[in-house]
Amino acid sequence: MSNIPAVSGKKMIKTLKKANFSVIRIKGSHHFLAHPNGRKTVVPVHSNETIGRGLFAQILKDCNLTINEFLDLL
């Protein structure tokens, strides 16, 4: 995971929607996304902040996506 892109929370959600995830609820700045097959994750949306490397990796792990699959969706 050496080539992790700097993406904001909004961009992350937009990309995950292309992978058939949908926002099921929002609590504060945290958007809860779910996939029809049961995969779930939480994406924080803070203004002008990018998602850190560790959180980015955890979101991809929750979504069962590889970095290459994510980059293809961008």
PDB file of N, CA and C in Angstrom:
ATOM      1  N   MET A   1       0.823  -1.187   0.000  1.00  0.00           N
ATOM      2  CA  MET A   1       0.000   0.000   0.000  1.00  0.00           C
ATOM      3  C   MET A   1       0.868   1.251   0.000  1.00  0.00           C
ATOM      4  N   SER A   2       1.839   1.280  -0.836  1.00  0.00           N
ATOM      5  CA  SER A   2       2.748   2.414  -0.848  1.00  0.00           C
ATOM      6  C   SER A   2       2.195   3.597  -1.629  1.00  0.00           C
ATOM      7  N   ASN A   3       1.295   3.350  -2.547  1.00  0.00           N
ATOM      8  CA  ASN A   3       0.780   4.437  -3.376  1.00  0.00           C
ATOM      9  C   ASN A   3      -0.654   4.799  -2.998  1.00  0.00           C
ATOM     10  N   ILE A   4      -0.849   5.106  -1.717  1.00  0.00           N
ATOM     11  CA  ILE A   4      -2.174   5.478  -1.232  1.00  0.00           C
ATOM     12  C   ILE A   4      -2.469   6.920  -1.651  1.00  0.00           C
ATOM     13  N   PRO A   5      -3.569   7.138  -2.356  1.00  0.00           N
ATOM     14  CA  PRO A   5      -3.898   8.505  -2.761  1.00  0.00           C
ATOM     15  C   PRO A   5      -4.444   9.314  -1.586  1.00  0.00           C
ATOM     16  N   ALA A   6      -4.274  10.611  -1.640  1.00  0.00           N
ATOM     17  CA  ALA A   6      -4.846  11.503  -0.628  1.00  0.00           C
ATOM     18  C   ALA A   6      -6.268  11.830  -1.066  1.00  0.00           C
ATOM     19  N   VAL A   7      -7.232  11.252  -0.375  1.00  0.00           N
ATOM     20  CA  VAL A   7      -8.634  11.494  -0.713  1.00  0.00           C
ATOM     21  C   VAL A   7      -9.367  12.028   0.506  1.00  0.00           C
ATOM     22  N   SER A   8     -10.353  12.848   0.244  1.00  0.00           N
ATOM     23  CA  SER A   8     -11.190  13.376   1.318  1.00  0.00           C
ATOM     24  C   SER A   8     -12.299  12.368   1.611  1.00  0.00           C
ATOM     25  N   GLY A   9     -13.038  12.608   2.664  1.00  0.00           N
ATOM     26  CA  GLY A   9     -14.146  11.737   3.007  1.00  0.00           C
ATOM     27  C   GLY A   9     -15.217  11.725   1.928  1.00  0.00           C
ATOM     28  N   LYS A  10     -15.502  12.906   1.367  1.00  0.00           N
ATOM     29  CA  LYS A  10     -16.522  12.990   0.313  1.00  0.00           C
ATOM     30  C   LYS A  10     -16.107  12.191  -0.911  1.00  0.00           C
ATOM     31  N   LYS A  11     -14.825  12.282  -1.282  1.00  0.00           N
ATOM     32  CA  LYS A  11     -14.318  11.550  -2.445  1.00  0.00           C
ATOM     33  C   LYS A  11     -14.349  10.043  -2.177  1.00  0.00           C
ATOM     34  N   MET A  12     -14.040   9.653  -0.945  1.00  0.00           N
ATOM     35  CA  MET A  12     -14.075   8.239  -0.571  1.00  0.00           C
ATOM     36  C   MET A  12     -15.495   7.689  -0.704  1.00  0.00           C
ATOM     37  N   ILE A  13     -16.471   8.441  -0.216  1.00  0.00           N
ATOM     38  CA  ILE A  13     -17.867   8.001  -0.307  1.00  0.00           C
ATOM     39  C   ILE A  13     -18.307   7.904  -1.759  1.00  0.00           C
ATOM     40  N   LYS A  14     -17.935   8.894  -2.551  1.00  0.00           N
ATOM     41  CA  LYS A  14     -18.300   8.897  -3.975  1.00  0.00           C
ATOM     42  C   LYS A  14     -17.714   7.669  -4.683  1.00  0.00           C
ATOM     43  N   THR A  15     -16.482   7.319  -4.342  1.00  0.00           N
ATOM     44  CA  THR A  15     -15.832   6.165  -4.951  1.00  0.00           C
ATOM     45  C   THR A  15     -16.466   4.861  -4.481  1.00  0.00           C
ATOM     46  N   LEU A  16     -16.784   4.770  -3.190  1.00  0.00           N
ATOM     47  CA  LEU A  16     -17.411   3.551  -2.681  1.00  0.00           C
ATOM     48  C   LEU A  16     -18.818   3.363  -3.244  1.00  0.00           C
ATOM     49  N   LYS A  17     -19.502   4.453  -3.557  1.00  0.00           N
ATOM     50  CA  LYS A  17     -20.824   4.331  -4.187  1.00  0.00           C
ATOM     51  C   LYS A  17     -20.707   3.679  -5.556  1.00  0.00           C
ATOM     52  N   LYS A  18     -19.588   3.898  -6.251  1.00  0.00           N
ATOM     53  CA  LYS A  18     -19.357   3.242  -7.539  1.00  0.00           C
ATOM     54  C   LYS A  18     -19.197   1.736  -7.357  1.00  0.00           C
ATOM     55  N   ALA A  19     -18.782   1.319  -6.141  1.00  0.00           N
ATOM     56  CA  ALA A  19     -18.618  -0.108  -5.827  1.00  0.00           C
ATOM     57  C   ALA A  19     -19.898  -0.679  -5.225  1.00  0.00           C
ATOM     58  N   ASN A  20     -21.008   0.019  -5.387  1.00  0.00           N
ATOM     59  CA  ASN A  20     -22.339  -0.427  -4.959  1.00  0.00           C
ATOM     60  C   ASN A  20     -22.573  -0.300  -3.452  1.00  0.00           C
ATOM     61  N   PHE A  21     -21.816   0.557  -2.777  1.00  0.00           N
ATOM     62  CA  PHE A  21     -22.087   0.857  -1.372  1.00  0.00           C
ATOM     63  C   PHE A  21     -23.082   2.009  -1.335  1.00  0.00           C
ATOM     64  N   SER A  22     -23.850   2.087  -0.261  1.00  0.00           N
ATOM     65  CA  SER A  22     -24.780   3.198  -0.110  1.00  0.00           C
ATOM     66  C   SER A  22     -24.736   3.680   1.335  1.00  0.00           C
ATOM     67  N   VAL A  23     -25.002   4.969   1.510  1.00  0.00           N
ATOM     68  CA  VAL A  23     -25.016   5.556   2.841  1.00  0.00           C
ATOM     69  C   VAL A  23     -26.308   5.131   3.524  1.00  0.00           C
ATOM     70  N   ILE A  24     -26.179   4.459   4.667  1.00  0.00           N
ATOM     71  CA  ILE A  24     -27.375   3.995   5.371  1.00  0.00           C
ATOM     72  C   ILE A  24     -27.788   4.949   6.485  1.00  0.00           C
ATOM     73  N   ARG A  25     -26.806   5.662   7.046  1.00  0.00           N
ATOM     74  CA  ARG A  25     -27.141   6.681   8.041  1.00  0.00           C
ATOM     75  C   ARG A  25     -25.937   7.580   8.260  1.00  0.00           C
ATOM     76  N   ILE A  26     -26.201   8.726   8.869  1.00  0.00           N
ATOM     77  CA  ILE A  26     -25.165   9.696   9.179  1.00  0.00           C
ATOM     78  C   ILE A  26     -25.330  10.098  10.633  1.00  0.00           C
ATOM     79  N   LYS A  27     -24.249  10.051  11.389  1.00  0.00           N
ATOM     80  CA  LYS A  27     -24.275  10.501  12.774  1.00  0.00           C
ATOM     81  C   LYS A  27     -23.117  11.478  12.953  1.00  0.00           C
ATOM     82  N   GLY A  28     -23.457  12.746  13.026  1.00  0.00           N
ATOM     83  CA  GLY A  28     -22.421  13.773  13.092  1.00  0.00           C
ATOM     84  C   GLY A  28     -21.683  13.843  11.771  1.00  0.00           C
ATOM     85  N   SER A  29     -20.365  13.673  11.830  1.00  0.00           N
ATOM     86  CA  SER A  29     -19.566  13.715  10.601  1.00  0.00           C
ATOM     87  C   SER A  29     -19.247  12.317  10.091  1.00  0.00           C
ATOM     88  N   HIS A  30     -19.797  11.289  10.698  1.00  0.00           N
ATOM     89  CA  HIS A  30     -19.515   9.920  10.306  1.00  0.00           C
ATOM     90  C   HIS A  30     -20.640   9.359   9.434  1.00  0.00           C
ATOM     91  N   HIS A  31     -20.260   8.925   8.240  1.00  0.00           N
ATOM     92  CA  HIS A  31     -21.202   8.342   7.292  1.00  0.00           C
ATOM     93  C   HIS A  31     -21.041   6.823   7.329  1.00  0.00           C
ATOM     94  N   PHE A  32     -22.130   6.126   7.580  1.00  0.00           N
ATOM     95  CA  PHE A  32     -22.126   4.675   7.653  1.00  0.00           C
ATOM     96  C   PHE A  32     -22.580   4.141   6.301  1.00  0.00           C
ATOM     97  N   LEU A  33     -21.734   3.330   5.676  1.00  0.00           N
ATOM     98  CA  LEU A  33     -22.033   2.784   4.355  1.00  0.00           C
ATOM     99  C   LEU A  33     -22.189   1.277   4.446  1.00  0.00           C
ATOM    100  N   ALA A  34     -23.057   0.740   3.607  1.00  0.00           N
ATOM    101  CA  ALA A  34     -23.284  -0.701   3.569  1.00  0.00           C
ATOM    102  C   ALA A  34     -23.386  -1.162   2.119  1.00  0.00           C
ATOM    103  N   HIS A  35     -23.021  -2.410   1.909  1.00  0.00           N
ATOM    104  CA  HIS A  35     -23.098  -3.058   0.608  1.00  0.00           C
ATOM    105  C   HIS A  35     -24.235  -4.076   0.684  1.00  0.00           C
ATOM    106  N   PRO A  36     -24.899  -4.369  -0.411  1.00  0.00           N
ATOM    107  CA  PRO A  36     -25.998  -5.344  -0.368  1.00  0.00           C
ATOM    108  C   PRO A  36     -25.595  -6.725   0.173  1.00  0.00           C
ATOM    109  N   ASN A  37     -24.316  -7.104   0.055  1.00  0.00           N
ATOM    110  CA  ASN A  37     -23.906  -8.422   0.543  1.00  0.00           C
ATOM    111  C   ASN A  37     -23.486  -8.412   2.011  1.00  0.00           C
ATOM    112  N   GLY A  38     -23.632  -7.264   2.707  1.00  0.00           N
ATOM    113  CA  GLY A  38     -23.386  -7.221   4.138  1.00  0.00           C
ATOM    114  C   GLY A  38     -22.139  -6.496   4.592  1.00  0.00           C
ATOM    115  N   ARG A  39     -21.240  -6.139   3.673  1.00  0.00           N
ATOM    116  CA  ARG A  39     -20.037  -5.413   4.075  1.00  0.00           C
ATOM    117  C   ARG A  39     -20.423  -4.014   4.532  1.00  0.00           C
ATOM    118  N   LYS A  40     -19.772  -3.544   5.605  1.00  0.00           N
ATOM    119  CA  LYS A  40     -20.087  -2.221   6.146  1.00  0.00           C
ATOM    120  C   LYS A  40     -18.807  -1.494   6.525  1.00  0.00           C
ATOM    121  N   THR A  41     -18.867  -0.164   6.492  1.00  0.00           N
ATOM    122  CA  THR A  41     -17.739   0.657   6.920  1.00  0.00           C
ATOM    123  C   THR A  41     -18.244   2.023   7.348  1.00  0.00           C
ATOM    124  N   VAL A  42     -17.367   2.781   7.976  1.00  0.00           N
ATOM    125  CA  VAL A  42     -17.674   4.137   8.421  1.00  0.00           C
ATOM    126  C   VAL A  42     -16.629   5.067   7.833  1.00  0.00           C
ATOM    127  N   VAL A  43     -17.082   6.168   7.237  1.00  0.00           N
ATOM    128  CA  VAL A  43     -16.179   7.148   6.645  1.00  0.00           C
ATOM    129  C   VAL A  43     -16.428   8.500   7.298  1.00  0.00           C
ATOM    130  N   PRO A  44     -15.394   9.097   7.913  1.00  0.00           N
ATOM    131  CA  PRO A  44     -15.555  10.433   8.481  1.00  0.00           C
ATOM    132  C   PRO A  44     -15.452  11.489   7.387  1.00  0.00           C
ATOM    133  N   VAL A  45     -16.320  12.479   7.445  1.00  0.00           N
ATOM    134  CA  VAL A  45     -16.285  13.565   6.464  1.00  0.00           C
ATOM    135  C   VAL A  45     -16.051  14.867   7.218  1.00  0.00           C
ATOM    136  N   HIS A  46     -14.806  15.326   7.171  1.00  0.00           N
ATOM    137  CA  HIS A  46     -14.431  16.594   7.789  1.00  0.00           C
ATOM    138  C   HIS A  46     -13.966  17.527   6.685  1.00  0.00           C
ATOM    139  N   SER A  47     -14.317  18.790   6.792  1.00  0.00           N
ATOM    140  CA  SER A  47     -13.996  19.727   5.723  1.00  0.00           C
ATOM    141  C   SER A  47     -12.488  19.901   5.581  1.00  0.00           C
ATOM    142  N   ASN A  48     -12.035  19.855   4.359  1.00  0.00           N
ATOM    143  CA  ASN A  48     -10.638  20.091   3.991  1.00  0.00           C
ATOM    144  C   ASN A  48      -9.645  19.153   4.658  1.00  0.00           C
ATOM    145  N   GLU A  49     -10.057  17.966   5.038  1.00  0.00           N
ATOM    146  CA  GLU A  49      -9.139  16.985   5.611  1.00  0.00           C
ATOM    147  C   GLU A  49      -9.140  15.733   4.755  1.00  0.00           C
ATOM    148  N   THR A  50      -7.950  15.187   4.561  1.00  0.00           N
ATOM    149  CA  THR A  50      -7.851  13.929   3.834  1.00  0.00           C
ATOM    150  C   THR A  50      -7.845  12.785   4.843  1.00  0.00           C
ATOM    151  N   ILE A  51      -8.175  11.622   4.361  1.00  0.00           N
ATOM    152  CA  ILE A  51      -8.205  10.435   5.215  1.00  0.00           C
ATOM    153  C   ILE A  51      -6.775   9.920   5.354  1.00  0.00           C
ATOM    154  N   GLY A  52      -6.379   9.642   6.582  1.00  0.00           N
ATOM    155  CA  GLY A  52      -5.029   9.158   6.852  1.00  0.00           C
ATOM    156  C   GLY A  52      -4.787   7.758   6.308  1.00  0.00           C
ATOM    157  N   ARG A  53      -3.512   7.379   6.256  1.00  0.00           N
ATOM    158  CA  ARG A  53      -3.138   6.084   5.682  1.00  0.00           C
ATOM    159  C   ARG A  53      -3.740   4.913   6.442  1.00  0.00           C
ATOM    160  N   GLY A  54      -3.689   4.960   7.769  1.00  0.00           N
ATOM    161  CA  GLY A  54      -4.209   3.856   8.571  1.00  0.00           C
ATOM    162  C   GLY A  54      -5.705   3.687   8.424  1.00  0.00           C
ATOM    163  N   LEU A  55      -6.434   4.796   8.478  1.00  0.00           N
ATOM    164  CA  LEU A  55      -7.885   4.741   8.322  1.00  0.00           C
ATOM    165  C   LEU A  55      -8.252   4.324   6.904  1.00  0.00           C
ATOM    166  N   PHE A  56      -7.511   4.811   5.930  1.00  0.00           N
ATOM    167  CA  PHE A  56      -7.742   4.425   4.529  1.00  0.00           C
ATOM    168  C   PHE A  56      -7.612   2.912   4.374  1.00  0.00           C
ATOM    169  N   ALA A  57      -6.557   2.346   4.961  1.00  0.00           N
ATOM    170  CA  ALA A  57      -6.337   0.899   4.885  1.00  0.00           C
ATOM    171  C   ALA A  57      -7.460   0.139   5.584  1.00  0.00           C
ATOM    172  N   GLN A  58      -7.934   0.653   6.729  1.00  0.00           N
ATOM    173  CA  GLN A  58      -9.014  -0.012   7.462  1.00  0.00           C
ATOM    174  C   GLN A  58     -10.329   0.016   6.686  1.00  0.00           C
ATOM    175  N   ILE A  59     -10.610   1.133   6.029  1.00  0.00           N
ATOM    176  CA  ILE A  59     -11.832   1.233   5.220  1.00  0.00           C
ATOM    177  C   ILE A  59     -11.782   0.236   4.070  1.00  0.00           C
ATOM    178  N   LEU A  60     -10.628   0.136   3.398  1.00  0.00           N
ATOM    179  CA  LEU A  60     -10.503  -0.832   2.307  1.00  0.00           C
ATOM    180  C   LEU A  60     -10.651  -2.260   2.822  1.00  0.00           C
ATOM    181  N   LYS A  61     -10.106  -2.525   4.004  1.00  0.00           N
ATOM    182  CA  LYS A  61     -10.230  -3.859   4.599  1.00  0.00           C
ATOM    183  C   LYS A  61     -11.693  -4.163   4.929  1.00  0.00           C
ATOM    184  N   ASP A  62     -12.403  -3.186   5.505  1.00  0.00           N
ATOM    185  CA  ASP A  62     -13.822  -3.365   5.816  1.00  0.00           C
ATOM    186  C   ASP A  62     -14.635  -3.635   4.550  1.00  0.00           C
ATOM    187  N   CYS A  63     -14.262  -2.972   3.468  1.00  0.00           N
ATOM    188  CA  CYS A  63     -14.998  -3.094   2.205  1.00  0.00           C
ATOM    189  C   CYS A  63     -14.540  -4.280   1.368  1.00  0.00           C
ATOM    190  N   ASN A  64     -13.472  -4.945   1.823  1.00  0.00           N
ATOM    191  CA  ASN A  64     -12.907  -6.076   1.091  1.00  0.00           C
ATOM    192  C   ASN A  64     -12.462  -5.658  -0.315  1.00  0.00           C
ATOM    193  N   LEU A  65     -11.802  -4.501  -0.401  1.00  0.00           N
ATOM    194  CA  LEU A  65     -11.272  -3.987  -1.651  1.00  0.00           C
ATOM    195  C   LEU A  65      -9.755  -3.902  -1.570  1.00  0.00           C
ATOM    196  N   THR A  66      -9.093  -4.111  -2.688  1.00  0.00           N
ATOM    197  CA  THR A  66      -7.655  -3.889  -2.744  1.00  0.00           C
ATOM    198  C   THR A  66      -7.401  -2.447  -3.174  1.00  0.00           C
ATOM    199  N   ILE A  67      -6.168  -2.004  -2.997  1.00  0.00           N
ATOM    200  CA  ILE A  67      -5.815  -0.648  -3.401  1.00  0.00           C
ATOM    201  C   ILE A  67      -5.988  -0.477  -4.908  1.00  0.00           C
ATOM    202  N   ASN A  68      -5.679  -1.525  -5.678  1.00  0.00           N
ATOM    203  CA  ASN A  68      -5.828  -1.440  -7.137  1.00  0.00           C
ATOM    204  C   ASN A  68      -7.301  -1.350  -7.553  1.00  0.00           C
ATOM    205  N   GLU A  69      -8.154  -2.091  -6.866  1.00  0.00           N
ATOM    206  CA  GLU A  69      -9.587  -2.025  -7.171  1.00  0.00           C
ATOM    207  C   GLU A  69     -10.124  -0.624  -6.849  1.00  0.00           C
ATOM    208  N   PHE A  70      -9.659  -0.065  -5.745  1.00  0.00           N
ATOM    209  CA  PHE A  70     -10.090   1.290  -5.375  1.00  0.00           C
ATOM    210  C   PHE A  70      -9.617   2.321  -6.407  1.00  0.00           C
ATOM    211  N   LEU A  71      -8.359   2.187  -6.822  1.00  0.00           N
ATOM    212  CA  LEU A  71      -7.815   3.139  -7.802  1.00  0.00           C
ATOM    213  C   LEU A  71      -8.550   3.024  -9.135  1.00  0.00           C
ATOM    214  N   ASP A  72      -8.981   1.834  -9.499  1.00  0.00           N
ATOM    215  CA  ASP A  72      -9.756   1.669 -10.732  1.00  0.00           C
ATOM    216  C   ASP A  72     -11.107   2.374 -10.650  1.00  0.00           C
ATOM    217  N   LEU A  73     -11.683   2.434  -9.439  1.00  0.00           N
ATOM    218  CA  LEU A  73     -12.974   3.105  -9.259  1.00  0.00           C
ATOM    219  C   LEU A  73     -12.839   4.628  -9.251  1.00  0.00           C
ATOM    220  N   LEU A  74     -11.644   5.129  -8.893  1.00  0.00           N
ATOM    221  CA  LEU A  74     -11.441   6.577  -8.891  1.00  0.00           C
ATOM    222  C   LEU A  74     -11.622   7.080 -10.287  1.00  0.00           C
TER     223      LEU A  74
END
